[in-house]
Amino acid sequence: MSTIFDCSVLQLSKIHNRAGNITVVENFIHVPFSIQRIYYLYDIPGGESRGAHGHKELEQLIIAASGSFDVTLDDGINKKTVQLSRPYYGLNIKPGIWRDLSNFSSGAICLVLASLPYENEDYIRDYEAFIRFKKQSALLK
């Protein structure tokens, strides 16, 4: 089962042009999975947080397409917070990690690339259920 130490910030391509920059993201080249779903969070009111859940199978790459925000990762034992503030860096979150997004700057846009289509059964929305899932997964190893 994944730990926070399996999650990492990936530097994406950044092609600079005097007319503006472009970043390209391709399956298995820039991300270590096949992108099956893309969504983004925006217009998040000051002081609000998002996320606060874990996934059983889903892997994600989270990018601050605009502005900045913090992502707190929790594997049930260890926690770490990563600030995302550049559109050419993405945080790769492995399955079995609780995530909480907070401290959104004004105008922040959180872009999420996901390895699976939406499946409600993959979400763990209760922290105590997440801890039970982690303990059960460890026993099955």
C-alpha atoms as a PDB file:
ATOM      1  CA  MET A   1       0.000   0.000   0.000  1.00  0.00           C
ATOM      2  CA  SER A   2       1.240   3.477  -0.836  1.00  0.00           C
ATOM      3  CA  THR A   3       2.768   5.914   1.623  1.00  0.00           C
ATOM      4  CA  ILE A   4       3.271   9.662   1.333  1.00  0.00           C
ATOM      5  CA  PHE A   5       6.854   8.884   0.317  1.00  0.00           C
ATOM      6  CA  ASP A   6       5.531   7.279  -2.897  1.00  0.00           C
ATOM      7  CA  CYS A   7       3.926  10.591  -3.876  1.00  0.00           C
ATOM      8  CA  SER A   8       6.143  13.092  -5.648  1.00  0.00           C
ATOM      9  CA  VAL A   9       6.179  16.409  -7.442  1.00  0.00           C
ATOM     10  CA  LEU A  10       6.819  15.908 -11.148  1.00  0.00           C
ATOM     11  CA  GLN A  11       8.269  18.626 -13.335  1.00  0.00           C
ATOM     12  CA  LEU A  12       6.330  18.846 -16.575  1.00  0.00           C
ATOM     13  CA  SER A  13       7.556  20.217 -19.864  1.00  0.00           C
ATOM     14  CA  LYS A  14       7.578  23.983 -20.233  1.00  0.00           C
ATOM     15  CA  ILE A  15       8.003  25.311 -23.736  1.00  0.00           C
ATOM     16  CA  HIS A  16       8.762  29.013 -23.583  1.00  0.00           C
ATOM     17  CA  ASN A  17       7.814  31.360 -26.359  1.00  0.00           C
ATOM     18  CA  ARG A  18       7.729  35.138 -26.280  1.00  0.00           C
ATOM     19  CA  ALA A  19       4.003  34.828 -27.047  1.00  0.00           C
ATOM     20  CA  GLY A  20       3.460  32.646 -23.959  1.00  0.00           C
ATOM     21  CA  ASN A  21       4.308  29.274 -22.492  1.00  0.00           C
ATOM     22  CA  ILE A  22       2.850  25.839 -23.112  1.00  0.00           C
ATOM     23  CA  THR A  23       3.003  22.672 -21.037  1.00  0.00           C
ATOM     24  CA  VAL A  24       2.174  19.324 -22.623  1.00  0.00           C
ATOM     25  CA  VAL A  25       1.035  16.287 -20.618  1.00  0.00           C
ATOM     26  CA  GLU A  26       0.932  12.876 -22.317  1.00  0.00           C
ATOM     27  CA  ASN A  27       0.030   9.436 -20.957  1.00  0.00           C
ATOM     28  CA  PHE A  28       3.016   7.415 -19.691  1.00  0.00           C
ATOM     29  CA  ILE A  29       5.432  10.121 -20.877  1.00  0.00           C
ATOM     30  CA  HIS A  30       4.790  13.006 -18.496  1.00  0.00           C
ATOM     31  CA  VAL A  31       2.461  11.129 -16.125  1.00  0.00           C
ATOM     32  CA  PRO A  32       3.003   7.537 -14.948  1.00  0.00           C
ATOM     33  CA  PHE A  33      -0.540   6.446 -15.873  1.00  0.00           C
ATOM     34  CA  SER A  34      -3.170   6.680 -18.601  1.00  0.00           C
ATOM     35  CA  ILE A  35      -5.374   9.739 -18.080  1.00  0.00           C
ATOM     36  CA  GLN A  36      -9.015   8.633 -18.014  1.00  0.00           C
ATOM     37  CA  ARG A  37     -10.623  11.740 -16.533  1.00  0.00           C
ATOM     38  CA  ILE A  38      -9.809  15.440 -16.238  1.00  0.00           C
ATOM     39  CA  TYR A  39     -11.534  17.937 -13.972  1.00  0.00           C
ATOM     40  CA  TYR A  40     -10.728  21.255 -12.360  1.00  0.00           C
ATOM     41  CA  LEU A  41     -11.683  23.205  -9.264  1.00  0.00           C
ATOM     42  CA  TYR A  42     -12.114  26.977  -9.382  1.00  0.00           C
ATOM     43  CA  ASP A  43     -13.932  29.880  -7.691  1.00  0.00           C
ATOM     44  CA  ILE A  44     -13.091  28.381  -4.300  1.00  0.00           C
ATOM     45  CA  PRO A  45     -14.088  30.834  -1.553  1.00  0.00           C
ATOM     46  CA  GLY A  46     -11.354  32.070   0.785  1.00  0.00           C
ATOM     47  CA  GLY A  47     -10.785  29.792   3.760  1.00  0.00           C
ATOM     48  CA  GLU A  48     -12.450  26.776   2.140  1.00  0.00           C
ATOM     49  CA  SER A  49     -10.750  23.427   1.670  1.00  0.00           C
ATOM     50  CA  ARG A  50     -11.463  20.669  -0.835  1.00  0.00           C
ATOM     51  CA  GLY A  51     -10.626  17.018  -1.088  1.00  0.00           C
ATOM     52  CA  ALA A  52     -10.649  15.477   2.385  1.00  0.00           C
ATOM     53  CA  HIS A  53     -10.884  11.951   1.014  1.00  0.00           C
ATOM     54  CA  GLY A  54      -8.797   9.035  -0.170  1.00  0.00           C
ATOM     55  CA  HIS A  55      -8.988   6.641  -3.114  1.00  0.00           C
ATOM     56  CA  LYS A  56      -8.636   2.871  -3.154  1.00  0.00           C
ATOM     57  CA  GLU A  57      -7.349   2.533  -6.738  1.00  0.00           C
ATOM     58  CA  LEU A  58      -7.271   5.982  -8.351  1.00  0.00           C
ATOM     59  CA  GLU A  59      -3.974   7.739  -9.077  1.00  0.00           C
ATOM     60  CA  GLN A  60      -3.907  11.482  -9.722  1.00  0.00           C
ATOM     61  CA  LEU A  61      -1.696  14.294 -10.912  1.00  0.00           C
ATOM     62  CA  ILE A  62      -2.760  17.591  -9.320  1.00  0.00           C
ATOM     63  CA  ILE A  63      -1.579  20.839 -10.937  1.00  0.00           C
ATOM     64  CA  ALA A  64      -2.015  24.480  -9.917  1.00  0.00           C
ATOM     65  CA  ALA A  65      -3.049  25.672 -13.399  1.00  0.00           C
ATOM     66  CA  SER A  66      -3.360  29.165 -11.908  1.00  0.00           C
ATOM     67  CA  GLY A  67      -2.614  30.604  -8.494  1.00  0.00           C
ATOM     68  CA  SER A  68      -1.546  28.414  -5.599  1.00  0.00           C
ATOM     69  CA  PHE A  69      -2.826  26.028  -2.939  1.00  0.00           C
ATOM     70  CA  ASP A  70      -1.551  23.461  -0.459  1.00  0.00           C
ATOM     71  CA  VAL A  71      -2.076  19.704  -0.648  1.00  0.00           C
ATOM     72  CA  THR A  72      -1.743  17.792   2.619  1.00  0.00           C
ATOM     73  CA  LEU A  73      -1.019  14.097   2.120  1.00  0.00           C
ATOM     74  CA  ASP A  74      -1.683  11.518   4.825  1.00  0.00           C
ATOM     75  CA  ASP A  75      -0.994   7.775   4.672  1.00  0.00           C
ATOM     76  CA  GLY A  76      -2.461   7.055   8.109  1.00  0.00           C
ATOM     77  CA  ILE A  77       0.946   7.322   9.789  1.00  0.00           C
ATOM     78  CA  ASN A  78       2.831  10.192   8.133  1.00  0.00           C
ATOM     79  CA  LYS A  79       1.668  13.569   6.849  1.00  0.00           C
ATOM     80  CA  LYS A  80       3.261  16.154   4.607  1.00  0.00           C
ATOM     81  CA  THR A  81       2.067  19.333   2.939  1.00  0.00           C
ATOM     82  CA  VAL A  82       3.106  20.344  -0.568  1.00  0.00           C
ATOM     83  CA  GLN A  83       2.462  23.815  -1.964  1.00  0.00           C
ATOM     84  CA  LEU A  84       1.630  23.912  -5.654  1.00  0.00           C
ATOM     85  CA  SER A  85       2.099  27.260  -7.380  1.00  0.00           C
ATOM     86  CA  ARG A  86       3.543  26.627 -10.857  1.00  0.00           C
ATOM     87  CA  PRO A  87       1.565  25.215 -13.803  1.00  0.00           C
ATOM     88  CA  TYR A  88       4.532  23.107 -14.931  1.00  0.00           C
ATOM     89  CA  TYR A  89       4.732  21.084 -11.701  1.00  0.00           C
ATOM     90  CA  GLY A  90       2.244  18.416 -10.699  1.00  0.00           C
ATOM     91  CA  LEU A  91       1.831  16.380  -7.543  1.00  0.00           C
ATOM     92  CA  ASN A  92       1.486  12.668  -8.311  1.00  0.00           C
ATOM     93  CA  ILE A  93      -0.745  11.082  -5.659  1.00  0.00           C
ATOM     94  CA  LYS A  94      -0.756   7.311  -5.457  1.00  0.00           C
ATOM     95  CA  PRO A  95      -3.785   5.233  -4.415  1.00  0.00           C
ATOM     96  CA  GLY A  96      -4.398   4.799  -0.686  1.00  0.00           C
ATOM     97  CA  ILE A  97      -3.465   8.366   0.285  1.00  0.00           C
ATOM     98  CA  TRP A  98      -5.771  10.808   2.084  1.00  0.00           C
ATOM     99  CA  ARG A  99      -5.576  14.294   0.572  1.00  0.00           C
ATOM    100  CA  ASP A 100      -6.812  17.677   1.703  1.00  0.00           C
ATOM    101  CA  LEU A 101      -6.482  20.815  -0.433  1.00  0.00           C
ATOM    102  CA  SER A 102      -6.420  24.200   1.325  1.00  0.00           C
ATOM    103  CA  ASN A 103      -5.061  27.754   1.303  1.00  0.00           C
ATOM    104  CA  PHE A 104      -6.324  28.543  -2.198  1.00  0.00           C
ATOM    105  CA  SER A 105      -5.138  31.885  -3.511  1.00  0.00           C
ATOM    106  CA  SER A 106      -7.615  34.208  -5.167  1.00  0.00           C
ATOM    107  CA  GLY A 107      -8.304  32.939  -8.692  1.00  0.00           C
ATOM    108  CA  ALA A 108      -6.627  29.574  -8.121  1.00  0.00           C
ATOM    109  CA  ILE A 109      -7.442  26.775 -10.542  1.00  0.00           C
ATOM    110  CA  CYS A 110      -6.711  23.194  -9.472  1.00  0.00           C
ATOM    111  CA  LEU A 111      -6.396  20.868 -12.478  1.00  0.00           C
ATOM    112  CA  VAL A 112      -6.696  17.139 -11.739  1.00  0.00           C
ATOM    113  CA  LEU A 113      -5.674  14.355 -14.123  1.00  0.00           C
ATOM    114  CA  ALA A 114      -7.064  11.007 -12.971  1.00  0.00           C
ATOM    115  CA  SER A 115      -6.212   7.419 -13.882  1.00  0.00           C
ATOM    116  CA  LEU A 116      -9.815   6.166 -13.729  1.00  0.00           C
ATOM    117  CA  PRO A 117     -13.294   7.391 -14.612  1.00  0.00           C
ATOM    118  CA  TYR A 118     -15.420   8.537 -11.678  1.00  0.00           C
ATOM    119  CA  GLU A 119     -16.488   5.639  -9.453  1.00  0.00           C
ATOM    120  CA  ASN A 120     -18.139   6.526  -6.161  1.00  0.00           C
ATOM    121  CA  GLU A 121     -17.070   3.150  -4.689  1.00  0.00           C
ATOM    122  CA  ASP A 122     -13.398   4.140  -5.067  1.00  0.00           C
ATOM    123  CA  TYR A 123     -13.776   7.116  -2.708  1.00  0.00           C
ATOM    124  CA  ILE A 124     -13.136   6.888   1.034  1.00  0.00           C
ATOM    125  CA  ARG A 125     -14.811   9.978   2.463  1.00  0.00           C
ATOM    126  CA  ASP A 126     -14.585   9.204   6.185  1.00  0.00           C
ATOM    127  CA  TYR A 127     -11.142   9.416   7.812  1.00  0.00           C
ATOM    128  CA  GLU A 128     -11.782   6.560  10.268  1.00  0.00           C
ATOM    129  CA  ALA A 129     -12.898   4.352   7.344  1.00  0.00           C
ATOM    130  CA  PHE A 130      -9.665   5.361   5.583  1.00  0.00           C
ATOM    131  CA  ILE A 131      -7.592   4.211   8.567  1.00  0.00           C
ATOM    132  CA  ARG A 132      -9.478   0.884   8.619  1.00  0.00           C
ATOM    133  CA  PHE A 133      -8.850   0.512   4.861  1.00  0.00           C
ATOM    134  CA  LYS A 134      -5.116   1.125   5.340  1.00  0.00           C
ATOM    135  CA  LYS A 135      -4.905  -1.401   8.203  1.00  0.00           C
ATOM    136  CA  GLN A 136      -6.855  -4.017   6.244  1.00  0.00           C
ATOM    137  CA  SER A 137      -4.692  -3.445   3.140  1.00  0.00           C
ATOM    138  CA  ALA A 138      -1.534  -3.891   5.229  1.00  0.00           C
ATOM    139  CA  LEU A 139      -2.834  -7.222   6.573  1.00  0.00           C
ATOM    140  CA  LEU A 140      -3.480  -8.495   3.039  1.00  0.00           C
ATOM    141  CA  LYS A 141       0.149  -7.936   2.015  1.00  0.00           C
END
